Amino acid sequence: MRYSLDFNWLWDGMGPLAYGAGTTLALTASTSALGIVLSVLGAAARRGPYPWLRKVVGLYVEVMRNTPFLVQLFFIFFGLPSLGLRLDPISAAVLAMTLNMAAYTIEVVGAGLDAIPRGQKEAAQALGLRPRLVFFKIILPQALAIIFPALTSQIIIMMLESAVVSQISVRELAQEADLLQSRTFRSFETYLVATLIYLSMSAALRRLLFAGKRRFLGAGLA
């Protein structure tokens, strides 16, 4: 059986694919920002003085890391309306992706915090700095520099997992590619182009994140 490649549809199809790629990047950006903030708070809570809070965060991590992302997404989008909380597809996608990402990055951030020598915290406190200032100004920046490669990989994984939210009709790249191939009947070509777009976004995102590390964390922490 011979198959002839046909990319004549690509000119008209690049508009929807570009829109889907933009939605994917927007989801990734918002999820990453919220997820990292939640991860820092969760990692700090797991090392805090309150046993009940450590148990709550630990339970959250175990539940989220041991259930499928698709089930979590469906629970938020289809299950919560039964309790009176109805979210639009974009909001449900951001919430599900944020909670899923944070469950993994809490452990990543925690590993970075544990890697900082205790003497640095004690020295800062001896100088009269408040515990909160010690954490955010001294401990956390060093921890983020240590875990940066793992954190970058987790952000890219989350970008790729965003394809799952097409199941609740979020028009990201995978959803637009699926709609496009249903109209053109050129499945191979459509998903080949979508794959190349995902690869390009992953490479560009990795370069952007490492450029941001050098800019915001400084050469001394790189």
C-alpha atoms as a PDB file:
ATOM      1  CA  MET A   1       0.000   0.000   0.000  1.00  0.00           C
ATOM      2  CA  ARG A   2       1.462   3.335  -1.097  1.00  0.00           C
ATOM      3  CA  TYR A   3       0.855   6.548   0.794  1.00  0.00           C
ATOM      4  CA  SER A   4       1.452   9.990  -0.705  1.00  0.00           C
ATOM      5  CA  LEU A   5       2.298  12.796   1.659  1.00  0.00           C
ATOM      6  CA  ASP A   6       0.180  15.888   1.198  1.00  0.00           C
ATOM      7  CA  PHE A   7       0.879  19.136   3.071  1.00  0.00           C
ATOM      8  CA  ASN A   8      -1.302  21.393   0.911  1.00  0.00           C
ATOM      9  CA  TRP A   9      -3.662  21.850   3.850  1.00  0.00           C
ATOM     10  CA  LEU A  10      -0.859  23.211   6.033  1.00  0.00           C
ATOM     11  CA  TRP A  11      -1.209  26.841   4.967  1.00  0.00           C
ATOM     12  CA  ASP A  12      -4.834  26.987   6.120  1.00  0.00           C
ATOM     13  CA  GLY A  13      -4.185  24.714   9.094  1.00  0.00           C
ATOM     14  CA  MET A  14      -1.335  26.680  10.637  1.00  0.00           C
ATOM     15  CA  GLY A  15      -3.753  29.252  12.084  1.00  0.00           C
ATOM     16  CA  PRO A  16      -5.560  26.749  14.337  1.00  0.00           C
ATOM     17  CA  LEU A  17      -2.278  24.996  15.209  1.00  0.00           C
ATOM     18  CA  ALA A  18      -0.686  28.320  16.170  1.00  0.00           C
ATOM     19  CA  TYR A  19      -3.706  29.139  18.317  1.00  0.00           C
ATOM     20  CA  GLY A  20      -3.484  25.742  19.999  1.00  0.00           C
ATOM     21  CA  ALA A  21       0.249  26.162  20.604  1.00  0.00           C
ATOM     22  CA  GLY A  22      -0.390  29.567  22.163  1.00  0.00           C
ATOM     23  CA  THR A  23      -3.016  28.084  24.470  1.00  0.00           C
ATOM     24  CA  THR A  24      -0.615  25.303  25.457  1.00  0.00           C
ATOM     25  CA  LEU A  25       2.102  27.811  26.322  1.00  0.00           C
ATOM     26  CA  ALA A  26      -0.347  29.986  28.263  1.00  0.00           C
ATOM     27  CA  LEU A  27      -1.504  26.972  30.277  1.00  0.00           C
ATOM     28  CA  THR A  28       2.104  25.999  30.930  1.00  0.00           C
ATOM     29  CA  ALA A  29       3.110  29.495  32.058  1.00  0.00           C
ATOM     30  CA  SER A  30       0.198  29.956  34.458  1.00  0.00           C
ATOM     31  CA  THR A  31       0.469  26.422  35.798  1.00  0.00           C
ATOM     32  CA  SER A  32       4.220  26.698  36.327  1.00  0.00           C
ATOM     33  CA  ALA A  33       3.944  29.997  38.216  1.00  0.00           C
ATOM     34  CA  LEU A  34       1.141  28.781  40.468  1.00  0.00           C
ATOM     35  CA  GLY A  35       2.653  25.321  40.867  1.00  0.00           C
ATOM     36  CA  ILE A  36       6.061  26.608  41.940  1.00  0.00           C
ATOM     37  CA  VAL A  37       4.517  28.963  44.514  1.00  0.00           C
ATOM     38  CA  LEU A  38       2.394  26.117  45.892  1.00  0.00           C
ATOM     39  CA  SER A  39       5.438  23.829  45.871  1.00  0.00           C
ATOM     40  CA  VAL A  40       7.544  26.250  47.913  1.00  0.00           C
ATOM     41  CA  LEU A  41       4.757  26.644  50.462  1.00  0.00           C
ATOM     42  CA  GLY A  42       4.184  22.894  50.597  1.00  0.00           C
ATOM     43  CA  ALA A  43       7.877  22.064  50.965  1.00  0.00           C
ATOM     44  CA  ALA A  44       8.220  24.638  53.738  1.00  0.00           C
ATOM     45  CA  ALA A  45       5.137  23.261  55.483  1.00  0.00           C
ATOM     46  CA  ARG A  46       6.539  19.718  55.400  1.00  0.00           C
ATOM     47  CA  ARG A  47       9.581  21.029  57.261  1.00  0.00           C
ATOM     48  CA  GLY A  48       7.641  23.300  59.572  1.00  0.00           C
ATOM     49  CA  PRO A  49       6.811  22.980  63.262  1.00  0.00           C
ATOM     50  CA  TYR A  50       3.189  21.849  62.836  1.00  0.00           C
ATOM     51  CA  PRO A  51       2.744  18.037  62.698  1.00  0.00           C
ATOM     52  CA  TRP A  52      -0.856  18.251  61.439  1.00  0.00           C
ATOM     53  CA  LEU A  53       0.203  20.457  58.526  1.00  0.00           C
ATOM     54  CA  ARG A  54       3.033  18.088  57.612  1.00  0.00           C
ATOM     55  CA  LYS A  55       0.519  15.224  57.530  1.00  0.00           C
ATOM     56  CA  VAL A  56      -1.955  17.173  55.380  1.00  0.00           C
ATOM     57  CA  VAL A  57       0.705  18.084  52.819  1.00  0.00           C
ATOM     58  CA  GLY A  58       2.064  14.527  52.842  1.00  0.00           C
ATOM     59  CA  LEU A  59      -1.437  13.122  52.228  1.00  0.00           C
ATOM     60  CA  TYR A  60      -1.994  15.558  49.365  1.00  0.00           C
ATOM     61  CA  VAL A  61       1.294  14.542  47.739  1.00  0.00           C
ATOM     62  CA  GLU A  62       0.519  10.825  48.036  1.00  0.00           C
ATOM     63  CA  VAL A  63      -3.017  11.172  46.660  1.00  0.00           C
ATOM     64  CA  MET A  64      -2.017  13.296  43.679  1.00  0.00           C
ATOM     65  CA  ARG A  65       1.054  11.238  42.790  1.00  0.00           C
ATOM     66  CA  ASN A  66      -0.797   7.928  42.956  1.00  0.00           C
ATOM     67  CA  THR A  67      -3.864   8.759  40.874  1.00  0.00           C
ATOM     68  CA  PRO A  68      -4.016   9.389  37.104  1.00  0.00           C
ATOM     69  CA  PHE A  69      -3.966  12.988  35.931  1.00  0.00           C
ATOM     70  CA  LEU A  70      -6.984  12.286  33.719  1.00  0.00           C
ATOM     71  CA  VAL A  71      -9.019  11.161  36.745  1.00  0.00           C
ATOM     72  CA  GLN A  72      -8.005  14.305  38.635  1.00  0.00           C
ATOM     73  CA  LEU A  73      -9.035  16.440  35.664  1.00  0.00           C
ATOM     74  CA  PHE A  74     -12.413  14.715  35.340  1.00  0.00           C
ATOM     75  CA  PHE A  75     -13.013  14.979  39.085  1.00  0.00           C
ATOM     76  CA  ILE A  76     -12.478  18.750  38.958  1.00  0.00           C
ATOM     77  CA  PHE A  77     -14.419  19.388  35.751  1.00  0.00           C
ATOM     78  CA  PHE A  78     -17.247  16.837  36.051  1.00  0.00           C
ATOM     79  CA  GLY A  79     -17.274  15.993  39.765  1.00  0.00           C
ATOM     80  CA  LEU A  80     -17.092  19.382  41.477  1.00  0.00           C
ATOM     81  CA  PRO A  81     -20.259  20.725  39.745  1.00  0.00           C
ATOM     82  CA  SER A  82     -22.193  18.137  41.770  1.00  0.00           C
ATOM     83  CA  LEU A  83     -21.052  20.074  44.858  1.00  0.00           C
ATOM     84  CA  GLY A  84     -22.035  23.398  43.325  1.00  0.00           C
ATOM     85  CA  LEU A  85     -18.582  24.406  42.067  1.00  0.00           C
ATOM     86  CA  ARG A  86     -18.664  24.722  38.289  1.00  0.00           C
ATOM     87  CA  LEU A  87     -15.508  25.738  36.420  1.00  0.00           C
ATOM     88  CA  ASP A  88     -15.032  26.592  32.768  1.00  0.00           C
ATOM     89  CA  PRO A  89     -12.643  24.298  30.827  1.00  0.00           C
ATOM     90  CA  ILE A  90      -9.643  26.654  31.036  1.00  0.00           C
ATOM     91  CA  SER A  91     -10.019  27.213  34.790  1.00  0.00           C
ATOM     92  CA  ALA A  92     -10.481  23.497  35.407  1.00  0.00           C
ATOM     93  CA  ALA A  93      -7.412  22.717  33.311  1.00  0.00           C
ATOM     94  CA  VAL A  94      -5.236  25.258  35.142  1.00  0.00           C
ATOM     95  CA  LEU A  95      -6.415  24.011  38.547  1.00  0.00           C
ATOM     96  CA  ALA A  96      -5.857  20.348  37.688  1.00  0.00           C
ATOM     97  CA  MET A  97      -2.447  20.967  36.139  1.00  0.00           C
ATOM     98  CA  THR A  98      -1.348  23.156  39.056  1.00  0.00           C
ATOM     99  CA  LEU A  99      -2.360  20.630  41.703  1.00  0.00           C
ATOM    100  CA  ASN A 100      -0.738  17.791  39.773  1.00  0.00           C
ATOM    101  CA  MET A 101       2.507  19.659  39.179  1.00  0.00           C
ATOM    102  CA  ALA A 102       2.773  20.866  42.771  1.00  0.00           C
ATOM    103  CA  ALA A 103       2.490  17.320  44.093  1.00  0.00           C
ATOM    104  CA  TYR A 104       5.685  16.418  42.252  1.00  0.00           C
ATOM    105  CA  THR A 105       7.612  19.642  42.671  1.00  0.00           C
ATOM    106  CA  ILE A 106       7.008  19.773  46.438  1.00  0.00           C
ATOM    107  CA  GLU A 107       9.426  16.859  46.712  1.00  0.00           C
ATOM    108  CA  VAL A 108      11.829  18.504  44.257  1.00  0.00           C
ATOM    109  CA  VAL A 109      11.859  21.794  46.172  1.00  0.00           C
ATOM    110  CA  GLY A 110      12.150  19.892  49.432  1.00  0.00           C
ATOM    111  CA  ALA A 111      15.263  18.126  48.193  1.00  0.00           C
ATOM    112  CA  GLY A 112      16.793  21.495  47.375  1.00  0.00           C
ATOM    113  CA  LEU A 113      15.981  22.859  50.823  1.00  0.00           C
ATOM    114  CA  ASP A 114      17.530  19.817  52.491  1.00  0.00           C
ATOM    115  CA  ALA A 115      20.700  20.287  50.456  1.00  0.00           C
ATOM    116  CA  ILE A 116      21.457  23.697  52.018  1.00  0.00           C
ATOM    117  CA  PRO A 117      23.850  23.359  54.983  1.00  0.00           C
ATOM    118  CA  ARG A 118      22.138  24.020  58.307  1.00  0.00           C
ATOM    119  CA  GLY A 119      24.994  26.332  59.275  1.00  0.00           C
ATOM    120  CA  GLN A 120      23.822  28.966  56.796  1.00  0.00           C
ATOM    121  CA  LYS A 121      20.446  29.224  58.504  1.00  0.00           C
ATOM    122  CA  GLU A 122      22.033  29.347  61.941  1.00  0.00           C
ATOM    123  CA  ALA A 123      24.532  32.014  60.869  1.00  0.00           C
ATOM    124  CA  ALA A 124      21.778  34.185  59.398  1.00  0.00           C
ATOM    125  CA  GLN A 125      19.692  33.881  62.544  1.00  0.00           C
ATOM    126  CA  ALA A 126      22.732  34.738  64.631  1.00  0.00           C
ATOM    127  CA  LEU A 127      22.955  38.005  62.710  1.00  0.00           C
ATOM    128  CA  GLY A 128      19.428  38.829  63.816  1.00  0.00           C
ATOM    129  CA  LEU A 129      17.546  38.053  60.602  1.00  0.00           C
ATOM    130  CA  ARG A 130      13.947  36.927  60.973  1.00  0.00           C
ATOM    131  CA  PRO A 131      13.211  33.279  60.059  1.00  0.00           C
ATOM    132  CA  ARG A 132      10.974  34.286  57.133  1.00  0.00           C
ATOM    133  CA  LEU A 133      13.669  36.565  55.719  1.00  0.00           C
ATOM    134  CA  VAL A 134      16.292  33.833  56.136  1.00  0.00           C
ATOM    135  CA  PHE A 135      14.110  31.418  54.182  1.00  0.00           C
ATOM    136  CA  PHE A 136      13.208  33.681  51.255  1.00  0.00           C
ATOM    137  CA  LYS A 137      16.466  35.608  50.937  1.00  0.00           C
ATOM    138  CA  ILE A 138      19.111  33.006  51.755  1.00  0.00           C
ATOM    139  CA  ILE A 139      17.830  29.433  51.738  1.00  0.00           C
ATOM    140  CA  LEU A 140      15.251  29.438  48.922  1.00  0.00           C
ATOM    141  CA  PRO A 141      17.364  31.084  46.156  1.00  0.00           C
ATOM    142  CA  GLN A 142      20.157  28.547  46.704  1.00  0.00           C
ATOM    143  CA  ALA A 143      17.688  25.672  46.782  1.00  0.00           C
ATOM    144  CA  LEU A 144      16.088  26.775  43.500  1.00  0.00           C
ATOM    145  CA  ALA A 145      19.513  26.990  41.859  1.00  0.00           C
ATOM    146  CA  ILE A 146      20.290  23.420  42.961  1.00  0.00           C
ATOM    147  CA  ILE A 147      17.021  21.937  41.720  1.00  0.00           C
ATOM    148  CA  PHE A 148      16.749  24.042  38.563  1.00  0.00           C
ATOM    149  CA  PRO A 149      17.399  21.187  36.063  1.00  0.00           C
ATOM    150  CA  ALA A 150      14.788  18.965  37.735  1.00  0.00           C
ATOM    151  CA  LEU A 151      12.339  21.855  37.962  1.00  0.00           C
ATOM    152  CA  THR A 152      12.837  22.647  34.271  1.00  0.00           C
ATOM    153  CA  SER A 153      12.154  19.035  33.336  1.00  0.00           C
ATOM    154  CA  GLN A 154       8.979  19.036  35.413  1.00  0.00           C
ATOM    155  CA  ILE A 155       7.719  22.190  33.700  1.00  0.00           C
ATOM    156  CA  ILE A 156       8.309  20.644  30.272  1.00  0.00           C
ATOM    157  CA  ILE A 157       6.593  17.417  31.357  1.00  0.00           C
ATOM    158  CA  MET A 158       3.621  19.496  32.475  1.00  0.00           C
ATOM    159  CA  MET A 159       3.532  21.234  29.094  1.00  0.00           C
ATOM    160  CA  LEU A 160       3.392  17.854  27.358  1.00  0.00           C
ATOM    161  CA  GLU A 161       0.745  16.551  29.766  1.00  0.00           C
ATOM    162  CA  SER A 162      -1.417  19.542  28.879  1.00  0.00           C
ATOM    163  CA  ALA A 163      -2.533  17.488  25.864  1.00  0.00           C
ATOM    164  CA  VAL A 164      -4.807  15.604  28.294  1.00  0.00           C
ATOM    165  CA  VAL A 165      -6.970  18.677  28.868  1.00  0.00           C
ATOM    166  CA  SER A 166      -8.240  18.314  25.312  1.00  0.00           C
ATOM    167  CA  GLN A 167     -10.595  15.739  26.886  1.00  0.00           C
ATOM    168  CA  ILE A 168     -12.593  18.599  28.414  1.00  0.00           C
ATOM    169  CA  SER A 169     -12.572  20.575  25.141  1.00  0.00           C
ATOM    170  CA  VAL A 170      -9.721  22.974  25.912  1.00  0.00           C
ATOM    171  CA  ARG A 171      -8.505  24.095  22.506  1.00  0.00           C
ATOM    172  CA  GLU A 172      -4.798  23.544  23.022  1.00  0.00           C
ATOM    173  CA  LEU A 173      -2.415  22.080  20.463  1.00  0.00           C
ATOM    174  CA  ALA A 174      -3.520  18.445  20.698  1.00  0.00           C
ATOM    175  CA  GLN A 175      -7.194  19.417  20.445  1.00  0.00           C
ATOM    176  CA  GLU A 176      -6.580  21.644  17.417  1.00  0.00           C
ATOM    177  CA  ALA A 177      -4.538  18.899  15.736  1.00  0.00           C
ATOM    178  CA  ASP A 178      -7.338  16.400  16.328  1.00  0.00           C
ATOM    179  CA  LEU A 179      -9.950  18.752  14.886  1.00  0.00           C
ATOM    180  CA  LEU A 180      -7.727  19.488  11.918  1.00  0.00           C
ATOM    181  CA  GLN A 181      -7.108  15.863  11.020  1.00  0.00           C
ATOM    182  CA  SER A 182     -10.834  15.135  11.270  1.00  0.00           C
ATOM    183  CA  ARG A 183     -11.420  17.761   8.568  1.00  0.00           C
ATOM    184  CA  THR A 184      -8.470  16.997   6.291  1.00  0.00           C
ATOM    185  CA  PHE A 185      -8.236  13.202   6.805  1.00  0.00           C
ATOM    186  CA  ARG A 186      -4.437  13.642   6.795  1.00  0.00           C
ATOM    187  CA  SER A 187      -3.700  12.103  10.185  1.00  0.00           C
ATOM    188  CA  PHE A 188      -0.034  11.304   9.564  1.00  0.00           C
ATOM    189  CA  GLU A 189       0.860  14.756   8.300  1.00  0.00           C
ATOM    190  CA  THR A 190      -1.199  16.543  10.960  1.00  0.00           C
ATOM    191  CA  TYR A 191       0.295  14.708  13.906  1.00  0.00           C
ATOM    192  CA  LEU A 192       3.777  14.914  12.374  1.00  0.00           C
ATOM    193  CA  VAL A 193       3.480  18.703  12.295  1.00  0.00           C
ATOM    194  CA  ALA A 194       2.035  18.728  15.841  1.00  0.00           C
ATOM    195  CA  THR A 195       4.954  16.603  17.035  1.00  0.00           C
ATOM    196  CA  LEU A 196       7.460  18.999  15.498  1.00  0.00           C
ATOM    197  CA  ILE A 197       5.677  21.932  17.148  1.00  0.00           C
ATOM    198  CA  TYR A 198       5.832  20.213  20.550  1.00  0.00           C
ATOM    199  CA  LEU A 199       9.549  19.515  20.054  1.00  0.00           C
ATOM    200  CA  SER A 200      10.182  23.131  19.094  1.00  0.00           C
ATOM    201  CA  MET A 201       8.257  24.440  22.100  1.00  0.00           C
ATOM    202  CA  SER A 202      10.115  22.102  24.465  1.00  0.00           C
ATOM    203  CA  ALA A 203      13.501  23.216  23.132  1.00  0.00           C
ATOM    204  CA  ALA A 204      12.552  26.900  23.211  1.00  0.00           C
ATOM    205  CA  LEU A 205      11.106  26.639  26.707  1.00  0.00           C
ATOM    206  CA  ARG A 206      14.228  24.923  28.022  1.00  0.00           C
ATOM    207  CA  ARG A 207      16.456  27.637  26.538  1.00  0.00           C
ATOM    208  CA  LEU A 208      14.208  30.370  27.935  1.00  0.00           C
ATOM    209  CA  LEU A 209      14.229  28.875  31.426  1.00  0.00           C
ATOM    210  CA  PHE A 210      17.992  28.504  31.522  1.00  0.00           C
ATOM    211  CA  ALA A 211      18.380  32.073  30.260  1.00  0.00           C
ATOM    212  CA  GLY A 212      16.068  33.166  33.065  1.00  0.00           C
ATOM    213  CA  LYS A 213      18.159  31.273  35.582  1.00  0.00           C
ATOM    214  CA  ARG A 214      21.302  33.132  34.594  1.00  0.00           C
ATOM    215  CA  ARG A 215      19.483  36.450  34.713  1.00  0.00           C
ATOM    216  CA  PHE A 216      17.504  36.163  37.931  1.00  0.00           C
ATOM    217  CA  LEU A 217      19.542  33.775  40.069  1.00  0.00           C
ATOM    218  CA  GLY A 218      22.862  35.316  39.039  1.00  0.00           C
ATOM    219  CA  ALA A 219      26.120  33.822  37.929  1.00  0.00           C
ATOM    220  CA  GLY A 220      27.108  33.076  41.508  1.00  0.00           C
ATOM    221  CA  LEU A 221      24.237  30.610  41.916  1.00  0.00           C
ATOM    222  CA  ALA A 222      24.327  29.159  38.381  1.00  0.00           C
END
